[in-house]
Amino acid sequence: MTTTTLGSLTWERAVDRPDLLADPTAAALRAWSDADPAVADAVLVTAIDPDLADTAAMTEAYDLPLEASVNCVLVAGRRAGEEKVAAALVRATTRADVNNAVKRLLDVRKASFLPMDRATAESGMEYGGITPLGLPAGYRVLADATVAADHPALGGVVVVGSGLRRSKVALPGALLARAPGVEVVEGLALA
């Protein structure tokens, strides 16, 4: 089993450690790896203290650059009685432009963050660990273009949730931007 060190953490191939992934995340990763075998070696996972799952605490505790972390927030809105849900992926040094960019992309009157209980129930993931890998099929996955940009932090690798609070996933930002269902959007994030 191959391991890599990022920050002060030791990372392993995520396909070899489904115990560190939420069930929907593990299933999505298996399907993606089956379609593209290079994914199996590129997507890594590590265990963390679940009390340190929040981005600021995790990056400080494990010597990871904040710029390498990508947050995944779930947003919903309605138009003409139809609800539309999306995940917005932005670097941790920014925030999702929910009131303009996300609202416009969803073509809704108002966009709001999904309540925590609904987000966890529908995604099958834990709050603080929600990831774009394995979200329900009806969700759009919008990634700010900076997620895919070749950022020097961690050599272009980004850190996202695993679906669980007790672990994190790392993969090249450019690969995350090519994950099934991901739409890359310029200007999704605000500084």
N, C-alpha and C. Protein backbone atom coordinates (compact mmCIF):
# COMPACT_ATOMS: atom_id res chain seq x y z
N MET A 1 0.85 -1.18 0.00
CA MET A 1 0.00 0.00 0.00
C MET A 1 0.90 1.24 0.00
N THR A 2 0.67 2.15 -0.93
CA THR A 2 1.46 3.36 -1.05
C THR A 2 0.91 4.43 -0.11
N THR A 3 1.83 5.15 0.55
CA THR A 3 1.43 6.26 1.40
C THR A 3 2.20 7.51 0.98
N THR A 4 1.63 8.67 1.27
CA THR A 4 2.21 9.97 0.96
C THR A 4 2.03 10.85 2.18
N THR A 5 2.95 11.78 2.38
CA THR A 5 2.81 12.73 3.48
C THR A 5 2.45 14.09 2.90
N LEU A 6 1.37 14.68 3.42
CA LEU A 6 0.97 16.05 3.10
C LEU A 6 0.74 16.71 4.44
N GLY A 7 1.38 17.86 4.66
CA GLY A 7 1.31 18.46 5.98
C GLY A 7 1.93 17.48 6.96
N SER A 8 1.32 17.28 8.10
CA SER A 8 1.83 16.30 9.07
C SER A 8 1.03 15.00 9.03
N LEU A 9 0.25 14.81 7.96
CA LEU A 9 -0.61 13.63 7.84
C LEU A 9 -0.06 12.62 6.84
N THR A 10 -0.34 11.36 7.08
CA THR A 10 0.00 10.30 6.14
C THR A 10 -1.27 9.91 5.39
N TRP A 11 -1.18 9.92 4.08
CA TRP A 11 -2.32 9.69 3.20
C TRP A 11 -2.16 8.37 2.46
N GLU A 12 -3.28 7.68 2.20
CA GLU A 12 -3.29 6.42 1.46
C GLU A 12 -4.30 6.53 0.31
N ARG A 13 -4.20 5.59 -0.62
CA ARG A 13 -5.19 5.57 -1.71
C ARG A 13 -6.58 5.39 -1.11
N ALA A 14 -7.48 6.27 -1.47
CA ALA A 14 -8.84 6.21 -0.90
C ALA A 14 -9.57 4.92 -1.29
N VAL A 15 -9.31 4.39 -2.47
CA VAL A 15 -9.99 3.15 -2.88
C VAL A 15 -9.60 1.98 -1.98
N ASP A 16 -8.44 2.09 -1.32
CA ASP A 16 -8.00 1.02 -0.43
C ASP A 16 -8.53 1.18 1.00
N ARG A 17 -9.16 2.34 1.28
CA ARG A 17 -9.63 2.62 2.64
C ARG A 17 -11.09 3.10 2.64
N PRO A 18 -12.02 2.28 2.15
CA PRO A 18 -13.41 2.70 2.15
C PRO A 18 -13.96 2.94 3.56
N ASP A 19 -13.29 2.40 4.57
CA ASP A 19 -13.71 2.63 5.95
C ASP A 19 -13.53 4.09 6.37
N LEU A 20 -12.74 4.85 5.61
CA LEU A 20 -12.53 6.27 5.90
C LEU A 20 -13.39 7.17 5.01
N LEU A 21 -14.35 6.57 4.30
CA LEU A 21 -15.22 7.31 3.40
C LEU A 21 -16.68 7.04 3.73
N ALA A 22 -17.54 8.06 3.58
CA ALA A 22 -18.98 7.81 3.70
C ALA A 22 -19.38 6.84 2.59
N ASP A 23 -20.42 6.07 2.81
CA ASP A 23 -20.83 5.07 1.82
C ASP A 23 -21.06 5.67 0.43
N PRO A 24 -21.77 6.82 0.29
CA PRO A 24 -21.96 7.38 -1.05
C PRO A 24 -20.63 7.83 -1.69
N THR A 25 -19.71 8.29 -0.87
CA THR A 25 -18.40 8.72 -1.37
C THR A 25 -17.61 7.52 -1.87
N ALA A 26 -17.60 6.46 -1.10
CA ALA A 26 -16.89 5.24 -1.50
C ALA A 26 -17.46 4.68 -2.81
N ALA A 27 -18.78 4.67 -2.92
CA ALA A 27 -19.41 4.15 -4.15
C ALA A 27 -19.07 5.03 -5.35
N ALA A 28 -19.11 6.35 -5.17
CA ALA A 28 -18.79 7.26 -6.28
C ALA A 28 -17.32 7.12 -6.68
N LEU A 29 -16.45 6.97 -5.72
CA LEU A 29 -15.03 6.82 -6.02
C LEU A 29 -14.75 5.51 -6.75
N ARG A 30 -15.41 4.43 -6.34
CA ARG A 30 -15.25 3.15 -7.04
C ARG A 30 -15.69 3.28 -8.49
N ALA A 31 -16.85 3.90 -8.72
CA ALA A 31 -17.36 4.05 -10.08
C ALA A 31 -16.43 4.93 -10.92
N TRP A 32 -15.94 6.01 -10.34
CA TRP A 32 -15.03 6.91 -11.06
C TRP A 32 -13.72 6.21 -11.37
N SER A 33 -13.19 5.43 -10.42
CA SER A 33 -11.94 4.69 -10.64
C SER A 33 -12.12 3.61 -11.70
N ASP A 34 -13.30 2.98 -11.73
CA ASP A 34 -13.56 1.97 -12.77
C ASP A 34 -13.56 2.61 -14.15
N ALA A 35 -14.11 3.82 -14.25
CA ALA A 35 -14.16 4.52 -15.54
C ALA A 35 -12.81 5.12 -15.92
N ASP A 36 -12.00 5.49 -14.93
CA ASP A 36 -10.69 6.11 -15.16
C ASP A 36 -9.71 5.55 -14.13
N PRO A 37 -8.98 4.49 -14.48
CA PRO A 37 -8.10 3.83 -13.52
C PRO A 37 -7.05 4.73 -12.86
N ALA A 38 -6.65 5.84 -13.49
CA ALA A 38 -5.67 6.75 -12.89
C ALA A 38 -6.21 7.41 -11.63
N VAL A 39 -7.53 7.46 -11.49
CA VAL A 39 -8.16 8.07 -10.32
C VAL A 39 -7.78 7.32 -9.04
N ALA A 40 -7.67 6.01 -9.13
CA ALA A 40 -7.37 5.20 -7.94
C ALA A 40 -6.08 5.63 -7.26
N ASP A 41 -5.06 5.99 -8.03
CA ASP A 41 -3.79 6.41 -7.45
C ASP A 41 -3.77 7.89 -7.08
N ALA A 42 -4.65 8.68 -7.66
CA ALA A 42 -4.62 10.13 -7.47
C ALA A 42 -5.46 10.62 -6.29
N VAL A 43 -6.45 9.85 -5.88
CA VAL A 43 -7.34 10.28 -4.80
C VAL A 43 -6.89 9.59 -3.51
N LEU A 44 -6.51 10.41 -2.53
CA LEU A 44 -5.95 9.92 -1.27
C LEU A 44 -6.89 10.24 -0.11
N VAL A 45 -6.71 9.52 0.99
CA VAL A 45 -7.51 9.76 2.19
C VAL A 45 -6.63 9.63 3.42
N THR A 46 -6.99 10.34 4.48
CA THR A 46 -6.29 10.24 5.75
C THR A 46 -7.29 10.38 6.89
N ALA A 47 -6.97 9.77 8.00
CA ALA A 47 -7.79 9.92 9.20
C ALA A 47 -7.38 11.19 9.93
N ILE A 48 -8.37 11.87 10.51
CA ILE A 48 -8.10 13.05 11.34
C ILE A 48 -8.96 12.95 12.60
N ASP A 49 -8.67 13.81 13.56
CA ASP A 49 -9.49 13.93 14.75
C ASP A 49 -10.81 14.59 14.33
N PRO A 50 -11.97 13.96 14.55
CA PRO A 50 -13.23 14.57 14.12
C PRO A 50 -13.51 15.92 14.75
N ASP A 51 -12.92 16.20 15.89
CA ASP A 51 -13.08 17.51 16.51
C ASP A 51 -12.32 18.60 15.76
N LEU A 52 -11.46 18.18 14.83
CA LEU A 52 -10.67 19.13 14.03
C LEU A 52 -11.12 19.14 12.57
N ALA A 53 -12.34 18.70 12.28
CA ALA A 53 -12.81 18.60 10.90
C ALA A 53 -13.05 19.96 10.26
N ASP A 54 -13.37 20.98 11.05
CA ASP A 54 -13.60 22.30 10.48
C ASP A 54 -12.29 22.82 9.89
N THR A 55 -12.39 23.48 8.76
CA THR A 55 -11.23 23.84 7.95
C THR A 55 -10.13 24.56 8.73
N ALA A 56 -10.46 25.61 9.45
CA ALA A 56 -9.43 26.39 10.15
C ALA A 56 -8.70 25.53 11.18
N ALA A 57 -9.44 24.76 11.95
CA ALA A 57 -8.82 23.91 12.97
C ALA A 57 -7.97 22.82 12.32
N MET A 58 -8.46 22.21 11.25
CA MET A 58 -7.73 21.12 10.59
C MET A 58 -6.43 21.61 9.98
N THR A 59 -6.49 22.74 9.26
CA THR A 59 -5.27 23.22 8.60
C THR A 59 -4.20 23.61 9.62
N GLU A 60 -4.63 24.19 10.71
CA GLU A 60 -3.66 24.58 11.75
C GLU A 60 -3.08 23.35 12.45
N ALA A 61 -3.92 22.42 12.83
CA ALA A 61 -3.48 21.25 13.58
C ALA A 61 -2.57 20.34 12.77
N TYR A 62 -2.80 20.25 11.46
CA TYR A 62 -2.07 19.30 10.64
C TYR A 62 -1.10 19.96 9.66
N ASP A 63 -0.79 21.23 9.88
CA ASP A 63 0.21 21.93 9.09
C ASP A 63 -0.10 21.88 7.58
N LEU A 64 -1.36 22.14 7.25
CA LEU A 64 -1.79 22.19 5.86
C LEU A 64 -2.08 23.64 5.49
N PRO A 65 -1.71 24.06 4.29
CA PRO A 65 -2.02 25.45 3.90
C PRO A 65 -3.52 25.64 3.71
N LEU A 66 -4.05 26.71 4.26
CA LEU A 66 -5.47 27.01 4.13
C LEU A 66 -5.88 27.06 2.66
N GLU A 67 -5.00 27.56 1.80
CA GLU A 67 -5.29 27.70 0.36
C GLU A 67 -5.55 26.35 -0.32
N ALA A 68 -5.06 25.27 0.28
CA ALA A 68 -5.25 23.94 -0.32
C ALA A 68 -6.61 23.34 0.02
N SER A 69 -7.30 23.90 1.00
CA SER A 69 -8.60 23.36 1.40
C SER A 69 -9.71 23.90 0.50
N VAL A 70 -10.61 23.01 0.14
CA VAL A 70 -11.79 23.38 -0.66
C VAL A 70 -13.02 23.04 0.15
N ASN A 71 -13.86 24.03 0.35
CA ASN A 71 -15.11 23.83 1.08
C ASN A 71 -16.23 23.49 0.11
N CYS A 72 -17.12 22.64 0.56
CA CYS A 72 -18.28 22.22 -0.22
C CYS A 72 -19.53 22.59 0.57
N VAL A 73 -20.29 23.56 0.04
CA VAL A 73 -21.52 23.98 0.71
C VAL A 73 -22.72 23.62 -0.17
N LEU A 74 -23.79 23.22 0.47
CA LEU A 74 -25.01 22.84 -0.25
C LEU A 74 -26.01 23.99 -0.19
N VAL A 75 -26.55 24.33 -1.35
CA VAL A 75 -27.42 25.49 -1.51
C VAL A 75 -28.66 25.07 -2.28
N ALA A 76 -29.81 25.68 -1.96
CA ALA A 76 -31.05 25.37 -2.67
C ALA A 76 -31.82 26.66 -2.92
N GLY A 77 -32.66 26.60 -3.93
CA GLY A 77 -33.55 27.71 -4.24
C GLY A 77 -34.71 27.20 -5.05
N ARG A 78 -35.75 28.05 -5.19
CA ARG A 78 -36.96 27.65 -5.92
C ARG A 78 -37.33 28.69 -6.97
N ARG A 79 -37.91 28.20 -8.03
CA ARG A 79 -38.54 29.06 -9.02
C ARG A 79 -39.74 28.29 -9.56
N ALA A 80 -40.89 28.95 -9.57
CA ALA A 80 -42.13 28.36 -10.07
C ALA A 80 -42.42 27.02 -9.40
N GLY A 81 -42.14 26.95 -8.09
CA GLY A 81 -42.44 25.75 -7.33
C GLY A 81 -41.43 24.63 -7.47
N GLU A 82 -40.44 24.80 -8.33
CA GLU A 82 -39.44 23.75 -8.53
C GLU A 82 -38.18 24.09 -7.72
N GLU A 83 -37.76 23.14 -6.89
CA GLU A 83 -36.54 23.35 -6.11
C GLU A 83 -35.33 22.85 -6.88
N LYS A 84 -34.26 23.62 -6.78
CA LYS A 84 -32.99 23.24 -7.39
C LYS A 84 -31.93 23.27 -6.30
N VAL A 85 -31.09 22.22 -6.26
CA VAL A 85 -30.05 22.10 -5.23
C VAL A 85 -28.70 21.99 -5.92
N ALA A 86 -27.70 22.62 -5.32
CA ALA A 86 -26.35 22.55 -5.85
C ALA A 86 -25.34 22.51 -4.72
N ALA A 87 -24.19 21.94 -5.02
CA ALA A 87 -23.03 22.03 -4.16
C ALA A 87 -22.13 23.10 -4.77
N ALA A 88 -21.63 23.98 -3.96
CA ALA A 88 -20.69 25.00 -4.42
C ALA A 88 -19.33 24.69 -3.80
N LEU A 89 -18.31 24.54 -4.66
CA LEU A 89 -16.95 24.24 -4.22
C LEU A 89 -16.10 25.48 -4.39
N VAL A 90 -15.54 25.94 -3.27
CA VAL A 90 -14.69 27.13 -3.29
C VAL A 90 -13.50 26.90 -2.38
N ARG A 91 -12.38 27.54 -2.70
CA ARG A 91 -11.22 27.46 -1.82
C ARG A 91 -11.57 28.07 -0.47
N ALA A 92 -10.96 27.56 0.58
CA ALA A 92 -11.27 28.00 1.95
C ALA A 92 -10.90 29.45 2.21
N THR A 93 -10.09 30.03 1.36
CA THR A 93 -9.71 31.43 1.51
C THR A 93 -10.74 32.36 0.88
N THR A 94 -11.81 31.78 0.34
CA THR A 94 -12.89 32.55 -0.29
C THR A 94 -14.22 32.07 0.28
N ARG A 95 -15.30 32.63 -0.25
CA ARG A 95 -16.63 32.13 0.12
C ARG A 95 -17.48 32.09 -1.14
N ALA A 96 -18.44 31.20 -1.16
CA ALA A 96 -19.32 31.06 -2.32
C ALA A 96 -20.20 32.29 -2.48
N ASP A 97 -20.32 32.77 -3.70
CA ASP A 97 -21.18 33.91 -4.01
C ASP A 97 -22.62 33.39 -4.20
N VAL A 98 -23.24 33.06 -3.07
CA VAL A 98 -24.57 32.45 -3.09
C VAL A 98 -25.63 33.42 -3.61
N ASN A 99 -25.55 34.69 -3.20
CA ASN A 99 -26.59 35.65 -3.55
C ASN A 99 -26.57 36.13 -4.99
N ASN A 100 -25.48 35.90 -5.70
CA ASN A 100 -25.41 36.32 -7.10
C ASN A 100 -25.10 35.14 -8.02
N ALA A 101 -23.87 34.64 -7.99
CA ALA A 101 -23.45 33.61 -8.93
C ALA A 101 -24.27 32.32 -8.80
N VAL A 102 -24.39 31.79 -7.58
CA VAL A 102 -25.13 30.53 -7.41
C VAL A 102 -26.60 30.72 -7.76
N LYS A 103 -27.17 31.81 -7.29
CA LYS A 103 -28.59 32.10 -7.57
C LYS A 103 -28.82 32.17 -9.09
N ARG A 104 -27.94 32.85 -9.79
CA ARG A 104 -28.06 32.98 -11.25
C ARG A 104 -27.91 31.63 -11.95
N LEU A 105 -26.92 30.84 -11.53
CA LEU A 105 -26.68 29.54 -12.15
C LEU A 105 -27.84 28.57 -11.93
N LEU A 106 -28.46 28.66 -10.76
CA LEU A 106 -29.62 27.80 -10.48
C LEU A 106 -30.90 28.35 -11.09
N ASP A 107 -30.86 29.62 -11.50
CA ASP A 107 -32.04 30.30 -12.05
C ASP A 107 -33.19 30.25 -11.03
N VAL A 108 -32.87 30.77 -9.84
CA VAL A 108 -33.86 30.83 -8.76
C VAL A 108 -33.94 32.27 -8.23
N ARG A 109 -35.03 32.57 -7.55
CA ARG A 109 -35.21 33.91 -6.99
C ARG A 109 -34.29 34.18 -5.81
N LYS A 110 -34.14 33.18 -4.95
CA LYS A 110 -33.32 33.30 -3.76
C LYS A 110 -32.64 31.96 -3.51
N ALA A 111 -31.37 32.01 -3.18
CA ALA A 111 -30.63 30.78 -2.85
C ALA A 111 -30.21 30.85 -1.39
N SER A 112 -30.35 29.73 -0.69
CA SER A 112 -30.02 29.65 0.73
C SER A 112 -29.27 28.36 1.00
N PHE A 113 -28.46 28.37 2.06
CA PHE A 113 -27.77 27.15 2.45
C PHE A 113 -28.80 26.12 2.91
N LEU A 114 -28.57 24.87 2.56
CA LEU A 114 -29.44 23.79 3.01
C LEU A 114 -29.30 23.66 4.52
N PRO A 115 -30.40 23.47 5.25
CA PRO A 115 -30.29 23.23 6.69
C PRO A 115 -29.44 21.97 6.95
N MET A 116 -28.70 21.99 8.05
CA MET A 116 -27.77 20.91 8.35
C MET A 116 -28.44 19.54 8.36
N ASP A 117 -29.61 19.41 9.00
CA ASP A 117 -30.25 18.09 9.08
C ASP A 117 -30.65 17.57 7.71
N ARG A 118 -31.12 18.46 6.86
CA ARG A 118 -31.49 18.04 5.51
C ARG A 118 -30.25 17.71 4.67
N ALA A 119 -29.21 18.53 4.79
CA ALA A 119 -27.98 18.30 4.04
C ALA A 119 -27.39 16.93 4.36
N THR A 120 -27.36 16.58 5.63
CA THR A 120 -26.77 15.30 6.03
C THR A 120 -27.68 14.13 5.65
N ALA A 121 -28.99 14.30 5.82
CA ALA A 121 -29.92 13.22 5.49
C ALA A 121 -29.90 12.91 3.99
N GLU A 122 -29.96 13.94 3.15
CA GLU A 122 -30.02 13.72 1.70
C GLU A 122 -28.69 13.26 1.13
N SER A 123 -27.58 13.74 1.68
CA SER A 123 -26.27 13.39 1.13
C SER A 123 -25.74 12.06 1.66
N GLY A 124 -26.22 11.64 2.83
CA GLY A 124 -25.67 10.45 3.46
C GLY A 124 -24.29 10.71 4.04
N MET A 125 -23.99 11.99 4.28
CA MET A 125 -22.67 12.40 4.77
C MET A 125 -22.83 13.16 6.08
N GLU A 126 -21.72 13.30 6.80
CA GLU A 126 -21.74 14.00 8.07
C GLU A 126 -21.45 15.49 7.87
N TYR A 127 -22.10 16.32 8.68
CA TYR A 127 -21.86 17.75 8.63
C TYR A 127 -20.39 18.01 8.98
N GLY A 128 -19.73 18.83 8.20
CA GLY A 128 -18.31 19.07 8.39
C GLY A 128 -17.45 18.14 7.56
N GLY A 129 -18.09 17.23 6.84
CA GLY A 129 -17.35 16.30 5.98
C GLY A 129 -17.95 16.19 4.60
N ILE A 130 -18.97 17.01 4.31
CA ILE A 130 -19.67 16.91 3.02
C ILE A 130 -18.69 17.16 1.88
N THR A 131 -18.77 16.32 0.89
CA THR A 131 -17.85 16.33 -0.25
C THR A 131 -18.63 16.27 -1.55
N PRO A 132 -18.05 16.76 -2.64
CA PRO A 132 -18.74 16.66 -3.92
C PRO A 132 -18.77 15.23 -4.46
N LEU A 133 -17.95 14.35 -3.90
CA LEU A 133 -17.86 12.98 -4.38
C LEU A 133 -18.95 12.12 -3.74
N GLY A 134 -20.00 11.83 -4.51
CA GLY A 134 -21.07 10.98 -4.01
C GLY A 134 -22.34 11.69 -3.63
N LEU A 135 -22.49 12.95 -4.05
CA LEU A 135 -23.74 13.66 -3.77
C LEU A 135 -24.89 13.06 -4.58
N PRO A 136 -26.13 13.28 -4.15
CA PRO A 136 -27.28 12.75 -4.89
C PRO A 136 -27.27 13.21 -6.36
N ALA A 137 -27.78 12.35 -7.23
CA ALA A 137 -27.74 12.59 -8.67
C ALA A 137 -28.41 13.89 -9.10
N GLY A 138 -29.42 14.35 -8.40
CA GLY A 138 -30.12 15.56 -8.80
C GLY A 138 -29.41 16.85 -8.43
N TYR A 139 -28.33 16.77 -7.68
CA TYR A 139 -27.59 17.97 -7.27
C TYR A 139 -26.64 18.40 -8.38
N ARG A 140 -26.61 19.70 -8.67
CA ARG A 140 -25.55 20.23 -9.53
C ARG A 140 -24.31 20.42 -8.67
N VAL A 141 -23.15 20.23 -9.25
CA VAL A 141 -21.90 20.45 -8.52
C VAL A 141 -21.13 21.54 -9.26
N LEU A 142 -21.06 22.70 -8.62
CA LEU A 142 -20.43 23.89 -9.20
C LEU A 142 -19.09 24.13 -8.52
N ALA A 143 -18.02 24.18 -9.28
CA ALA A 143 -16.69 24.41 -8.72
C ALA A 143 -16.14 25.73 -9.24
N ASP A 144 -15.71 26.58 -8.32
CA ASP A 144 -15.07 27.81 -8.74
C ASP A 144 -13.81 27.45 -9.54
N ALA A 145 -13.52 28.23 -10.57
CA ALA A 145 -12.38 27.94 -11.44
C ALA A 145 -11.06 27.89 -10.68
N THR A 146 -10.96 28.58 -9.56
CA THR A 146 -9.71 28.55 -8.79
C THR A 146 -9.45 27.19 -8.16
N VAL A 147 -10.48 26.36 -8.02
CA VAL A 147 -10.29 25.01 -7.48
C VAL A 147 -9.40 24.20 -8.43
N ALA A 148 -9.59 24.39 -9.72
CA ALA A 148 -8.84 23.64 -10.72
C ALA A 148 -7.50 24.29 -11.06
N ALA A 149 -7.32 25.55 -10.67
CA ALA A 149 -6.09 26.28 -11.01
C ALA A 149 -4.89 25.62 -10.34
N ASP A 150 -3.77 25.69 -11.00
CA ASP A 150 -2.54 25.08 -10.49
C ASP A 150 -1.96 25.96 -9.38
N HIS A 151 -2.48 25.78 -8.19
CA HIS A 151 -2.06 26.56 -7.03
C HIS A 151 -0.84 25.89 -6.40
N PRO A 152 0.15 26.66 -5.98
CA PRO A 152 1.36 26.05 -5.43
C PRO A 152 1.18 25.34 -4.09
N ALA A 153 0.12 25.66 -3.34
CA ALA A 153 -0.09 24.98 -2.06
C ALA A 153 -0.25 23.49 -2.28
N LEU A 154 0.55 22.71 -1.59
CA LEU A 154 0.54 21.24 -1.69
C LEU A 154 0.73 20.75 -3.13
N GLY A 155 1.40 21.52 -3.97
CA GLY A 155 1.68 21.07 -5.33
C GLY A 155 0.46 20.89 -6.19
N GLY A 156 -0.56 21.70 -5.98
CA GLY A 156 -1.77 21.60 -6.79
C GLY A 156 -2.82 20.66 -6.23
N VAL A 157 -2.51 19.99 -5.13
CA VAL A 157 -3.47 19.08 -4.49
C VAL A 157 -4.42 19.90 -3.63
N VAL A 158 -5.69 19.53 -3.62
CA VAL A 158 -6.67 20.16 -2.75
C VAL A 158 -7.18 19.13 -1.75
N VAL A 159 -7.64 19.64 -0.62
CA VAL A 159 -8.18 18.80 0.45
C VAL A 159 -9.66 19.09 0.57
N VAL A 160 -10.49 18.04 0.51
CA VAL A 160 -11.95 18.16 0.62
C VAL A 160 -12.44 17.14 1.64
N GLY A 161 -13.71 17.22 1.95
CA GLY A 161 -14.30 16.25 2.86
C GLY A 161 -14.31 14.85 2.27
N SER A 162 -14.54 13.89 3.15
CA SER A 162 -14.62 12.48 2.75
C SER A 162 -16.04 11.95 2.91
N GLY A 163 -16.92 12.83 3.40
CA GLY A 163 -18.26 12.41 3.76
C GLY A 163 -18.37 12.12 5.25
N LEU A 164 -17.20 12.02 5.92
CA LEU A 164 -17.12 11.76 7.35
C LEU A 164 -16.30 12.87 8.01
N ARG A 165 -16.59 13.15 9.26
CA ARG A 165 -15.80 14.17 9.99
C ARG A 165 -14.42 13.63 10.37
N ARG A 166 -14.25 12.33 10.40
CA ARG A 166 -13.01 11.76 10.91
C ARG A 166 -11.95 11.50 9.85
N SER A 167 -12.15 12.05 8.64
CA SER A 167 -11.15 11.87 7.59
C SER A 167 -11.30 12.96 6.54
N LYS A 168 -10.26 13.09 5.70
CA LYS A 168 -10.26 14.05 4.60
C LYS A 168 -9.71 13.37 3.36
N VAL A 169 -10.09 13.89 2.20
CA VAL A 169 -9.63 13.40 0.91
C VAL A 169 -8.74 14.46 0.29
N ALA A 170 -7.69 14.03 -0.40
CA ALA A 170 -6.82 14.93 -1.15
C ALA A 170 -6.70 14.42 -2.58
N LEU A 171 -6.72 15.34 -3.53
CA LEU A 171 -6.57 14.99 -4.94
C LEU A 171 -6.17 16.26 -5.70
N PRO A 172 -5.60 16.11 -6.89
CA PRO A 172 -5.28 17.30 -7.67
C PRO A 172 -6.54 18.11 -7.96
N GLY A 173 -6.43 19.44 -7.81
CA GLY A 173 -7.58 20.30 -8.07
C GLY A 173 -8.10 20.14 -9.49
N ALA A 174 -7.19 19.96 -10.44
CA ALA A 174 -7.61 19.77 -11.84
C ALA A 174 -8.41 18.48 -11.99
N LEU A 175 -8.07 17.45 -11.23
CA LEU A 175 -8.82 16.20 -11.28
C LEU A 175 -10.20 16.38 -10.65
N LEU A 176 -10.27 17.07 -9.53
CA LEU A 176 -11.56 17.34 -8.90
C LEU A 176 -12.48 18.08 -9.87
N ALA A 177 -11.93 19.00 -10.61
CA ALA A 177 -12.72 19.76 -11.58
C ALA A 177 -13.24 18.88 -12.72
N ARG A 178 -12.62 17.73 -12.92
CA ARG A 178 -13.06 16.78 -13.97
C ARG A 178 -13.88 15.62 -13.41
N ALA A 179 -14.16 15.66 -12.12
CA ALA A 179 -14.95 14.58 -11.51
C ALA A 179 -16.33 14.54 -12.17
N PRO A 180 -16.95 13.37 -12.20
CA PRO A 180 -18.27 13.26 -12.83
C PRO A 180 -19.26 14.28 -12.27
N GLY A 181 -19.89 15.02 -13.17
CA GLY A 181 -20.93 15.97 -12.80
C GLY A 181 -20.45 17.35 -12.40
N VAL A 182 -19.15 17.56 -12.27
CA VAL A 182 -18.64 18.86 -11.82
C VAL A 182 -18.66 19.87 -12.97
N GLU A 183 -19.18 21.06 -12.69
CA GLU A 183 -19.19 22.17 -13.65
C GLU A 183 -18.24 23.25 -13.12
N VAL A 184 -17.24 23.63 -13.89
CA VAL A 184 -16.30 24.66 -13.48
C VAL A 184 -16.88 26.02 -13.87
N VAL A 185 -16.89 26.93 -12.89
CA VAL A 185 -17.54 28.24 -13.06
C VAL A 185 -16.56 29.34 -12.69
N GLU A 186 -16.38 30.30 -13.60
CA GLU A 186 -15.59 31.49 -13.28
C GLU A 186 -16.41 32.39 -12.35
N GLY A 187 -15.78 32.91 -11.31
CA GLY A 187 -16.44 33.87 -10.44
C GLY A 187 -17.47 33.31 -9.49
N LEU A 188 -17.39 32.03 -9.16
CA LEU A 188 -18.31 31.44 -8.19
C LEU A 188 -17.97 31.87 -6.77
N ALA A 189 -16.69 32.22 -6.55
CA ALA A 189 -16.23 32.58 -5.21
C ALA A 189 -15.99 34.07 -5.08
N LEU A 190 -16.15 34.55 -3.87
CA LEU A 190 -15.83 35.93 -3.50
C LEU A 190 -14.60 35.91 -2.60
N ALA A 191 -13.73 36.88 -2.76
CA ALA A 191 -12.52 36.94 -1.92
C ALA A 191 -12.88 37.31 -0.50
